[in-house]
Protein backbone atom coordinates (compact mmCIF):
# COMPACT_ATOMS: atom_id res chain seq x y z
CA MET A 1 -0.08 0.08 0.44
CA VAL A 2 1.06 3.43 -0.85
CA PRO A 3 0.59 6.12 1.99
CA MET A 4 -1.76 8.90 1.23
CA ALA A 5 -1.69 12.50 2.08
CA CYS A 6 -3.95 15.32 2.73
CA ASP A 7 -3.60 18.93 1.68
CA GLN A 8 -4.54 21.56 3.81
CA ASP A 9 -8.18 21.51 2.25
CA GLY A 10 -8.03 17.93 3.04
CA ARG A 11 -7.53 16.50 -0.43
CA THR A 12 -5.90 13.42 -0.59
CA THR A 13 -2.36 13.91 -3.04
CA LEU A 14 0.06 11.10 -3.91
CA PRO A 15 3.55 11.09 -2.60
CA LYS A 16 5.86 12.73 -5.15
CA ARG A 17 7.89 9.48 -6.82
CA ALA A 18 11.52 8.65 -5.74
CA GLY A 19 13.83 10.51 -7.84
CA ALA A 20 11.12 12.65 -9.68
CA ARG A 21 13.38 15.45 -11.67
CA GLU A 22 12.87 19.02 -10.22
CA SER A 23 11.77 21.80 -12.68
CA VAL A 24 12.71 25.04 -13.50
CA LEU A 25 10.64 27.90 -14.60
CA GLY A 26 8.45 25.03 -16.07
CA PHE A 27 11.86 23.11 -17.69
CA PRO A 28 13.08 20.11 -16.57
CA MET A 29 16.45 20.70 -14.48
CA ARG A 30 19.01 18.68 -16.92
CA LYS A 31 17.14 20.75 -19.71
CA PHE A 32 17.03 24.26 -17.93
CA LEU A 33 21.20 23.62 -17.34
CA VAL A 34 21.69 23.00 -20.94
CA VAL A 35 20.09 26.23 -22.18
CA PHE A 36 21.38 28.28 -19.42
CA LEU A 37 25.60 27.26 -20.39
CA ILE A 38 24.25 27.56 -23.71
CA PHE A 39 22.97 31.30 -22.83
CA LEU A 40 26.50 31.82 -20.85
CA ALA A 41 28.64 30.53 -23.85
CA VAL A 42 26.28 33.13 -25.91
CA VAL A 43 27.41 35.63 -23.12
CA VAL A 44 30.91 35.27 -23.03
CA VAL A 45 31.82 34.95 -26.98
CA VAL A 46 29.95 38.14 -27.13
CA GLY A 47 31.33 40.50 -24.53
CA ASP A 48 35.03 38.43 -26.01
CA VAL A 49 34.31 40.21 -29.36
CA LEU A 50 33.30 43.13 -27.56
CA ALA A 51 35.92 44.24 -25.45
CA ARG A 52 38.60 42.88 -28.58
CA SER A 53 36.46 45.59 -30.65
CA PHE A 54 36.96 48.29 -27.76
CA ALA A 55 40.64 47.41 -27.33
CA GLN A 56 41.55 47.94 -30.94
CA ASN A 57 39.45 50.63 -31.31
CA THR A 58 41.42 52.31 -28.41
CA ILE A 59 44.56 51.52 -29.72
CA ALA A 60 44.03 52.76 -33.44
CA SER A 61 42.76 56.00 -31.80
CA GLN A 62 45.62 56.62 -29.98
CA THR A 63 48.45 55.46 -33.11
CA ALA A 64 46.25 57.86 -35.51
CA GLN A 65 47.15 60.78 -33.04
CA GLN A 66 50.68 60.08 -32.39
CA MET A 67 51.96 59.42 -36.18
CA ASN A 68 49.66 61.93 -37.85
CA MET A 69 47.83 59.55 -39.45
CA PRO A 70 44.88 61.55 -41.74
CA GLU A 71 42.87 57.51 -40.49
CA GLU A 72 42.91 55.44 -37.85
CA PRO A 73 45.03 52.45 -39.00
CA ASP A 74 43.62 48.67 -39.19
CA VAL A 75 43.87 46.94 -35.58
CA SER A 76 44.15 43.22 -35.09
CA ILE A 77 44.70 41.58 -31.58
CA GLU A 78 45.42 38.10 -32.77
CA GLY A 79 44.39 34.93 -30.50
CA TRP A 80 41.22 32.49 -30.09
CA ALA A 81 39.93 34.52 -27.35
CA PHE A 82 40.78 38.07 -25.91
CA LEU A 83 39.43 38.24 -22.75
CA PRO A 84 42.30 35.90 -20.74
CA GLN A 85 44.64 38.16 -22.61
CA ALA A 86 42.92 41.25 -21.32
CA ILE A 87 42.72 40.37 -17.91
CA GLY A 88 46.04 39.13 -17.83
CA GLY A 89 47.59 42.42 -19.08
CA ASN A 90 49.50 40.65 -22.09
CA TYR A 91 48.66 40.14 -25.71
CA SER A 92 50.92 37.37 -27.77
CA GLU A 93 50.50 39.57 -31.11
CA ILE A 94 48.91 42.82 -32.31
CA ASN A 95 49.08 43.69 -35.99
CA LEU A 96 49.06 47.31 -37.00
CA SER A 97 48.36 48.57 -40.75
CA ALA A 98 48.31 51.85 -42.42
CA ASP A 99 48.26 53.35 -45.60
CA SER A 100 49.92 56.21 -44.90
CA ALA A 101 51.75 58.08 -41.83
CA THR A 102 53.78 61.12 -41.07
CA VAL A 103 57.47 60.38 -39.42
CA GLU A 104 59.43 63.64 -39.40
CA ASN A 105 57.25 65.48 -41.69
CA VAL A 106 57.56 63.43 -44.24
CA GLU A 107 54.86 60.76 -45.58
CA VAL A 108 55.34 57.08 -45.98
CA GLU A 109 53.14 54.73 -47.13
CA GLN A 110 51.80 51.11 -46.59
CA VAL A 111 52.48 51.05 -43.28
CA ARG A 112 53.10 47.71 -41.45
CA VAL A 113 53.98 46.50 -37.84
CA GLY A 114 53.69 44.00 -36.13
CA LEU A 115 53.93 43.82 -31.99
CA SER A 116 54.76 40.78 -29.92
CA ASP A 117 54.83 40.13 -26.10
CA VAL A 118 52.50 43.16 -25.83
CA ASP A 119 51.98 44.54 -22.24
CA ALA A 120 49.06 46.59 -22.14
CA PRO A 121 47.11 46.45 -18.60
CA LEU A 122 43.37 46.24 -19.04
CA MET A 123 42.47 49.26 -16.90
CA ASP A 124 44.81 51.55 -18.38
CA LEU A 125 42.87 50.91 -21.40
CA ILE A 126 39.45 51.54 -20.14
CA GLY A 127 40.60 54.40 -18.41
CA GLY A 128 41.89 56.32 -21.56
CA GLU A 129 45.32 56.50 -20.51
CA PRO A 130 46.99 53.29 -22.06
CA ASP A 131 50.10 52.67 -21.24
CA VAL A 132 51.33 49.97 -23.36
CA THR A 133 55.01 48.41 -24.20
CA ALA A 134 55.94 45.75 -27.08
CA GLY A 135 58.90 43.38 -26.21
CA GLU A 136 59.42 42.75 -30.23
CA VAL A 137 58.07 44.67 -33.11
CA ASP A 138 58.90 44.47 -36.71
CA GLY A 139 57.75 46.57 -38.97
CA SER A 140 58.20 48.22 -42.63
CA VAL A 141 57.14 51.25 -44.20
CA VAL A 142 57.50 52.22 -48.34
CA LEU A 143 59.24 55.76 -48.89
CA PRO A 144 57.83 56.93 -51.71
CA TYR A 145 60.16 57.80 -54.61
CA SER A 146 58.24 61.66 -54.65
CA TYR A 147 60.42 61.91 -51.66
CA LEU A 148 63.60 60.74 -53.69
CA ASN A 149 63.06 62.77 -56.95
CA SER A 150 63.90 65.84 -54.58
CA GLN A 151 67.55 65.11 -54.90
CA LEU A 152 67.41 64.17 -58.88
CA PRO A 153 68.54 66.75 -61.12
CA GLU A 154 65.58 69.05 -62.64
CA GLY A 155 63.55 66.84 -65.19
CA VAL A 156 64.64 63.39 -64.29
CA THR A 157 62.11 60.92 -61.76
CA ILE A 158 62.21 57.54 -60.27
CA ASN A 159 59.19 55.60 -61.38
CA ASP A 160 58.18 51.61 -61.36
CA GLU A 161 58.48 50.51 -64.56
CA GLY A 162 57.39 46.85 -64.48
CA GLU A 163 58.92 45.13 -61.46
CA GLU A 164 61.89 47.37 -61.69
CA PRO A 165 62.57 50.76 -60.64
CA ARG A 166 64.01 53.03 -63.09
CA MET A 167 65.17 56.73 -63.15
CA SER A 168 64.50 58.67 -66.56
CA GLY A 169 63.62 61.73 -67.82
CA GLU A 170 64.93 64.74 -70.31
CA LEU A 171 68.68 65.38 -68.51
CA ALA A 172 70.69 68.93 -69.26
CA ILE A 173 74.12 68.19 -68.92
CA THR A 174 75.34 72.29 -68.67
CA GLU A 175 79.15 71.34 -69.06
CA LEU A 176 78.43 69.81 -72.75
CA ASP A 177 75.49 72.19 -73.41
CA LEU A 178 73.30 69.25 -74.67
CA SER A 179 70.01 68.00 -73.20
CA THR A 180 68.96 64.71 -73.32
CA GLN A 181 67.04 61.68 -72.67
CA ILE A 182 67.91 59.12 -70.24
CA SER A 183 66.97 55.94 -68.56
CA SER A 184 68.59 54.09 -65.71
CA GLY A 185 68.17 51.26 -63.49
CA ALA A 186 68.13 51.81 -59.48
CA GLU A 187 69.53 49.66 -57.12
CA PHE A 188 69.35 50.75 -52.81
CA GLU A 189 71.61 50.30 -50.24
CA VAL A 190 70.99 50.98 -46.33
CA ASP A 191 73.98 52.19 -44.30
CA ASP A 192 72.96 52.92 -40.92
CA ASP A 193 70.31 55.14 -41.90
CA THR A 194 71.41 56.28 -44.67
CA LEU A 195 69.97 55.34 -48.04
CA HIS A 196 72.33 54.92 -51.27
CA VAL A 197 70.64 55.30 -54.62
CA ARG A 198 73.22 53.97 -57.38
CA PRO A 199 72.51 54.08 -61.17
CA VAL A 200 72.98 50.74 -63.32
CA ASP A 201 72.39 50.02 -67.07
CA VAL A 202 72.55 54.00 -67.40
CA GLU A 203 71.28 54.69 -70.97
CA VAL A 204 71.66 58.44 -72.90
CA ASP A 205 70.50 58.90 -76.09
CA GLY A 206 73.18 59.31 -78.96
CA ALA A 207 75.87 60.20 -76.21
CA PRO A 208 79.48 59.10 -76.27
CA ALA A 209 80.97 56.54 -73.17
CA GLN A 210 82.53 59.75 -71.11
CA VAL A 211 79.05 61.23 -71.47
CA VAL A 212 77.18 58.22 -70.04
CA ASP A 213 79.97 58.43 -67.12
CA SER A 214 79.22 61.90 -66.64
CA VAL A 215 75.49 61.02 -65.79
CA ALA A 216 75.95 57.99 -63.92
CA GLY A 217 77.57 60.48 -61.33
CA MET A 218 74.82 62.94 -61.67
CA LEU A 219 72.05 60.27 -60.70
CA ALA A 220 73.78 58.88 -57.73
CA PHE A 221 72.82 60.20 -54.35
CA SER A 222 72.21 59.74 -50.72
CA ILE A 223 69.64 60.42 -48.62
CA GLN A 224 68.68 60.28 -44.99
CA ILE A 225 65.77 57.97 -43.94
CA PRO A 226 63.33 59.62 -41.72
CA ASP A 227 63.05 58.01 -38.21
CA LEU A 228 60.70 54.67 -38.27
CA PRO A 229 57.96 54.43 -36.50
CA TYR A 230 58.53 52.88 -32.87
CA GLY A 231 62.30 53.69 -32.99
CA LEU A 232 62.70 50.81 -35.46
CA HIS A 233 66.33 50.18 -36.25
CA ILE A 234 66.63 49.67 -40.13
CA THR A 235 67.39 46.22 -41.51
CA ASP A 236 66.40 46.06 -45.04
CA VAL A 237 65.64 47.72 -48.01
CA ASP A 238 64.04 46.96 -51.08
CA PRO A 239 62.16 48.41 -54.43
CA ALA A 240 58.56 47.95 -53.58
CA GLY A 241 55.87 49.26 -56.37
CA ALA A 242 55.74 52.77 -55.82
CA GLY A 243 58.65 53.57 -53.03
CA VAL A 244 61.55 51.75 -51.62
CA ARG A 245 60.18 49.64 -48.90
CA VAL A 246 62.39 49.89 -45.63
CA ASP A 247 62.15 47.20 -42.76
CA GLY A 248 63.29 47.38 -39.05
CA THR A 249 62.85 46.06 -35.75
CA ALA A 250 63.03 46.90 -31.84
CA SER A 251 62.81 45.66 -28.59
CA ASP A 252 61.06 46.76 -25.77
CA VAL A 253 59.32 49.82 -27.10
CA PRO A 254 56.68 51.72 -25.76
CA ILE A 255 53.55 51.94 -28.10
CA MET A 256 51.24 54.29 -26.58
CA ASP A 257 52.38 56.73 -23.80
CA GLY A 258 53.84 60.08 -23.39
CA GLU A 259 57.55 58.70 -25.19
CA ALA A 260 55.73 56.92 -28.09
CA ALA A 261 56.01 58.17 -31.21
């Protein structure tokens, strides 16, 4: 016999069966837990995306101000999850890219910077006064040919013909009272922060060898490379489209504070 029970109104009720599942808001407990965990996962993912976006926007805004960029750079904080990095205040990799920036009153193009082992306390970012330091920095900028053209004789410019840079134009050779079309390849070398430009395979329309040698001397020049972003030390130079790509590296670099530039 199953014992019966009565409620306060004297009605007979059956006792709950042993092992009966509790319910929450009308849902069985197991189903409720599954739904709750899915909801929690969605909240965490959305929060991670929003927090990552906030940090990227903060870095982009500060960088644009420091480097006189006409537009904010694209910033990407790498890693599958942002919040663990943010809570720890250390980011494994941050990449920045921009079409242009101004360094030492010189506009450079195709700015690319990779930051690793970045120390950026979360509260500093939230407070609007970020103090961000990168353990290692690799980057490059393109020094446009327009910057180099100022060192060439009047009427001659460097441009990109095919895949190779060339100097060409109408050159006046005053000592010979001659004005003629010239064309030459260009090779680039770097010594510390100085870029050396050397003409190769010089062509001068209808001119003897001594004139070609004279023209080669007129086309060779050296120019100082402006300081790179974040104090990058120049490691290499290569022709790249409409200019010369300058690569550099640095360590323990302040990215956003009073010292950054």
